[in-house]
């Protein structure tokens, strides 16, 4: 009986999917290796972006002994790791402008608070500023000034004062409380319109 079988004719050898890549790849840079160098390995520190080309076996061998910090002192390694936390970007103390950090006044300014501390509200004195600074008063426009006048308030009235005065006047001139007084009803409508005007303008 012949050892030959027709089933062997149907067996197909799967082609190597990387055959074309290997054909165009440079030769492995490992000494004495003639395989295709299909895998990149970093050259080392201060040569970022440069790579060796190795075959799969030798890139694994290379990576086992690769040390980016080779030749550096421990202090230099520690500094590199610290700077890596900020992406190696320059940093300076809070409250110091980058353009002035090299000036003689730098040491004095380092102890000062950041400039934005003086521009933010701190009602609970979280930053030790002694409480919030009063917000600058906004000068009302003509319609807003008229609305404040309708409510009987001065130009510097606060939002809380506006709301309080509005509630008081609404309660006073509400149709259910004015006994059908037409003048009071007109006043009621004027008060509501004035309050809406101030609210839309951001006064309350």
Protein backbone atom coordinates (compact mmCIF):
# COMPACT_ATOMS: atom_id res chain seq x y z
CA UNK A 1 0.00 0.00 0.00
CA UNK A 2 1.40 3.35 -0.97
CA UNK A 3 2.11 5.84 1.79
CA UNK A 4 0.88 8.60 -0.49
CA UNK A 5 -2.62 9.89 0.25
CA UNK A 6 -4.82 12.14 -1.82
CA UNK A 7 -5.62 14.11 1.35
CA UNK A 8 -2.11 15.63 1.32
CA UNK A 9 -2.97 17.38 -1.91
CA UNK A 10 -5.60 19.45 -0.11
CA UNK A 11 -3.23 20.73 2.58
CA UNK A 12 -2.28 24.34 1.95
CA UNK A 13 0.59 26.11 3.65
CA UNK A 14 -0.60 29.40 5.10
CA UNK A 15 1.48 32.25 3.67
CA UNK A 16 3.43 34.45 6.05
CA UNK A 17 1.37 37.70 6.41
CA UNK A 18 4.56 39.66 7.17
CA UNK A 19 6.50 38.32 4.21
CA UNK A 20 6.17 41.51 2.19
CA UNK A 21 7.09 43.69 5.18
CA UNK A 22 10.13 41.55 5.89
CA UNK A 23 11.25 41.85 2.29
CA UNK A 24 11.35 45.65 2.54
CA UNK A 25 12.52 45.92 6.16
CA UNK A 26 16.14 46.87 6.96
CA UNK A 27 18.45 44.21 8.31
CA UNK A 28 18.51 43.62 12.07
CA UNK A 29 21.21 45.78 13.66
CA UNK A 30 22.18 43.11 16.17
CA UNK A 31 25.73 41.94 15.45
CA UNK A 32 25.73 38.79 13.35
CA UNK A 33 21.97 38.71 12.75
CA UNK A 34 20.64 38.49 9.20
CA UNK A 35 16.92 38.64 10.06
CA UNK A 36 14.67 41.54 9.07
CA UNK A 37 14.73 44.43 11.55
CA UNK A 38 10.98 45.00 11.83
CA UNK A 39 10.90 46.29 15.39
CA UNK A 40 12.08 49.64 16.71
CA UNK A 41 13.97 50.12 19.98
CA UNK A 42 14.92 53.55 21.43
CA UNK A 43 18.56 54.55 21.10
CA UNK A 44 18.63 56.21 24.52
CA UNK A 45 18.54 59.41 26.54
CA UNK A 46 19.20 62.67 24.69
CA UNK A 47 18.45 60.86 21.42
CA UNK A 48 14.69 60.80 21.65
CA UNK A 49 13.11 60.01 18.28
CA UNK A 50 16.05 57.82 17.17
CA UNK A 51 15.66 54.04 17.06
CA UNK A 52 17.54 50.82 16.41
CA UNK A 53 15.90 48.23 14.17
CA UNK A 54 15.91 44.66 15.48
CA UNK A 55 14.22 41.36 14.78
CA UNK A 56 11.70 40.09 17.34
CA UNK A 57 14.21 38.02 19.29
CA UNK A 58 16.83 40.73 19.55
CA UNK A 59 14.42 43.56 20.35
CA UNK A 60 13.27 41.51 23.33
CA UNK A 61 16.88 40.95 24.35
CA UNK A 62 17.65 44.65 23.98
CA UNK A 63 14.64 45.72 26.03
CA UNK A 64 15.65 43.48 28.93
CA UNK A 65 18.80 45.50 29.50
CA UNK A 66 17.56 48.92 28.40
CA UNK A 67 17.87 51.66 31.03
CA UNK A 68 16.92 55.22 30.09
CA UNK A 69 18.71 56.61 33.17
CA UNK A 70 21.97 54.78 32.60
CA UNK A 71 24.91 56.97 33.62
CA UNK A 72 22.85 59.50 35.59
CA UNK A 73 23.39 60.31 39.26
CA UNK A 74 20.61 59.55 41.74
CA UNK A 75 20.01 63.28 42.26
CA UNK A 76 19.55 63.80 38.52
CA UNK A 77 17.13 60.89 38.31
CA UNK A 78 15.10 62.29 41.23
CA UNK A 79 14.98 65.73 39.58
CA UNK A 80 13.85 64.19 36.28
CA UNK A 81 11.06 62.29 38.03
CA UNK A 82 9.92 65.44 39.82
CA UNK A 83 9.89 67.47 36.61
CA UNK A 84 7.99 64.68 34.85
CA UNK A 85 5.03 65.37 37.15
CA UNK A 86 4.50 68.69 35.34
CA UNK A 87 5.44 67.45 31.89
CA UNK A 88 8.88 69.10 32.24
CA UNK A 89 7.24 72.53 32.03
CA UNK A 90 8.65 75.44 34.08
CA UNK A 91 6.85 76.12 37.35
CA UNK A 92 6.94 78.93 39.92
CA UNK A 93 5.35 79.78 43.22
CA UNK A 94 1.69 80.77 43.29
CA UNK A 95 1.25 84.51 43.01
CA UNK A 96 4.37 85.00 40.89
CA UNK A 97 4.17 86.13 37.29
CA UNK A 98 6.34 84.09 34.94
CA UNK A 99 7.79 87.26 33.40
CA UNK A 100 8.95 88.62 36.77
CA UNK A 101 10.18 85.46 38.49
CA UNK A 102 13.79 86.26 37.58
CA UNK A 103 13.71 89.85 38.85
CA UNK A 104 15.21 91.01 42.18
CA UNK A 105 11.72 91.42 43.57
CA UNK A 106 10.99 87.73 42.94
CA UNK A 107 11.91 86.61 46.46
CA UNK A 108 9.57 89.20 47.97
CA UNK A 109 6.71 88.39 45.63
CA UNK A 110 6.95 84.66 46.26
CA UNK A 111 5.43 85.16 49.69
CA UNK A 112 2.58 87.28 48.34
CA UNK A 113 -0.82 85.95 47.44
CA UNK A 114 -1.76 85.26 43.85
CA UNK A 115 -3.24 88.24 42.07
CA UNK A 116 -6.55 86.55 41.57
CA UNK A 117 -7.03 86.32 45.35
CA UNK A 118 -7.85 90.01 45.23
CA UNK A 119 -10.42 89.54 42.47
CA UNK A 120 -12.41 86.64 43.90
CA UNK A 121 -15.10 86.52 46.54
CA UNK A 122 -14.17 84.81 49.79
CA UNK A 123 -17.22 85.10 52.07
CA UNK A 124 -15.91 82.41 54.46
CA UNK A 125 -12.38 83.82 54.58
CA UNK A 126 -10.90 80.55 53.29
CA UNK A 127 -7.80 82.31 51.98
CA UNK A 128 -7.31 84.57 54.98
CA UNK A 129 -8.14 87.74 53.14
CA UNK A 130 -10.27 89.10 55.96
CA UNK A 131 -13.55 88.58 54.14
CA UNK A 132 -14.82 89.38 50.70
CA UNK A 133 -14.34 92.77 49.15
CA UNK A 134 -17.56 94.48 48.18
CA UNK A 135 -18.35 94.07 44.52
CA UNK A 136 -18.05 97.27 42.50
CA UNK A 137 -21.41 98.96 42.09
CA UNK A 138 -22.86 98.84 38.63
CA UNK A 139 -24.25 102.08 37.29
CA UNK A 140 -27.84 101.52 36.09
CA UNK A 141 -28.90 102.59 32.63
CA UNK A 142 -31.87 104.87 32.01
CA UNK A 143 -34.56 102.14 32.04
CA UNK A 144 -32.95 100.41 35.01
CA UNK A 145 -32.72 103.70 36.94
CA UNK A 146 -36.42 104.30 36.23
CA UNK A 147 -37.24 100.78 37.44
CA UNK A 148 -35.35 101.42 40.69
CA UNK A 149 -37.20 104.70 41.08
CA UNK A 150 -40.52 102.86 40.61
CA UNK A 151 -39.58 100.60 43.50
CA UNK A 152 -38.50 103.58 45.54
CA UNK A 153 -34.86 102.51 45.68
CA UNK A 154 -31.57 104.33 45.16
CA UNK A 155 -29.14 103.51 42.33
CA UNK A 156 -26.85 101.56 44.65
CA UNK A 157 -29.52 99.15 45.93
CA UNK A 158 -28.41 95.54 46.32
CA UNK A 159 -30.17 92.52 44.90
CA UNK A 160 -31.52 91.59 48.31
CA UNK A 161 -32.88 95.09 48.82
CA UNK A 162 -34.60 94.96 45.42
CA UNK A 163 -36.22 91.59 46.16
CA UNK A 164 -37.32 92.68 49.62
CA UNK A 165 -38.82 95.91 48.34
CA UNK A 166 -40.58 94.09 45.49
CA UNK A 167 -42.25 91.62 47.86
CA UNK A 168 -43.35 94.45 50.10
CA UNK A 169 -44.93 96.46 47.25
CA UNK A 170 -46.62 93.41 45.68
CA UNK A 171 -48.20 92.54 48.97
CA UNK A 172 -49.28 96.13 49.47
CA UNK A 173 -50.81 96.70 46.01
CA UNK A 174 -52.11 93.23 45.20
CA UNK A 175 -55.72 93.33 43.84
CA UNK A 176 -56.88 91.13 46.71
CA UNK A 177 -55.63 93.67 49.23
CA UNK A 178 -56.33 97.04 47.59
CA UNK A 179 -60.15 96.91 47.71
CA UNK A 180 -60.59 97.56 43.96
CA UNK A 181 -58.52 100.74 43.96
CA UNK A 182 -57.66 101.39 40.30
CA UNK A 183 -54.63 103.51 41.14
CA UNK A 184 -53.26 100.75 43.32
CA UNK A 185 -53.77 98.21 40.50
CA UNK A 186 -51.77 100.40 38.12
CA UNK A 187 -49.07 100.69 40.74
CA UNK A 188 -49.10 96.89 41.11
CA UNK A 189 -48.45 96.42 37.37
CA UNK A 190 -45.68 99.05 37.37
CA UNK A 191 -43.94 97.32 40.27
CA UNK A 192 -44.00 93.93 38.52
CA UNK A 193 -42.71 95.43 35.27
CA UNK A 194 -39.92 97.28 37.09
CA UNK A 195 -38.83 94.15 38.93
CA UNK A 196 -38.73 92.14 35.69
CA UNK A 197 -36.63 94.85 34.09
CA UNK A 198 -34.08 94.74 36.93
CA UNK A 199 -34.03 90.95 37.02
CA UNK A 200 -33.34 90.70 33.28
CA UNK A 201 -30.54 93.25 33.69
CA UNK A 202 -28.95 91.11 36.40
CA UNK A 203 -29.53 93.41 39.37
CA UNK A 204 -31.29 90.72 41.38
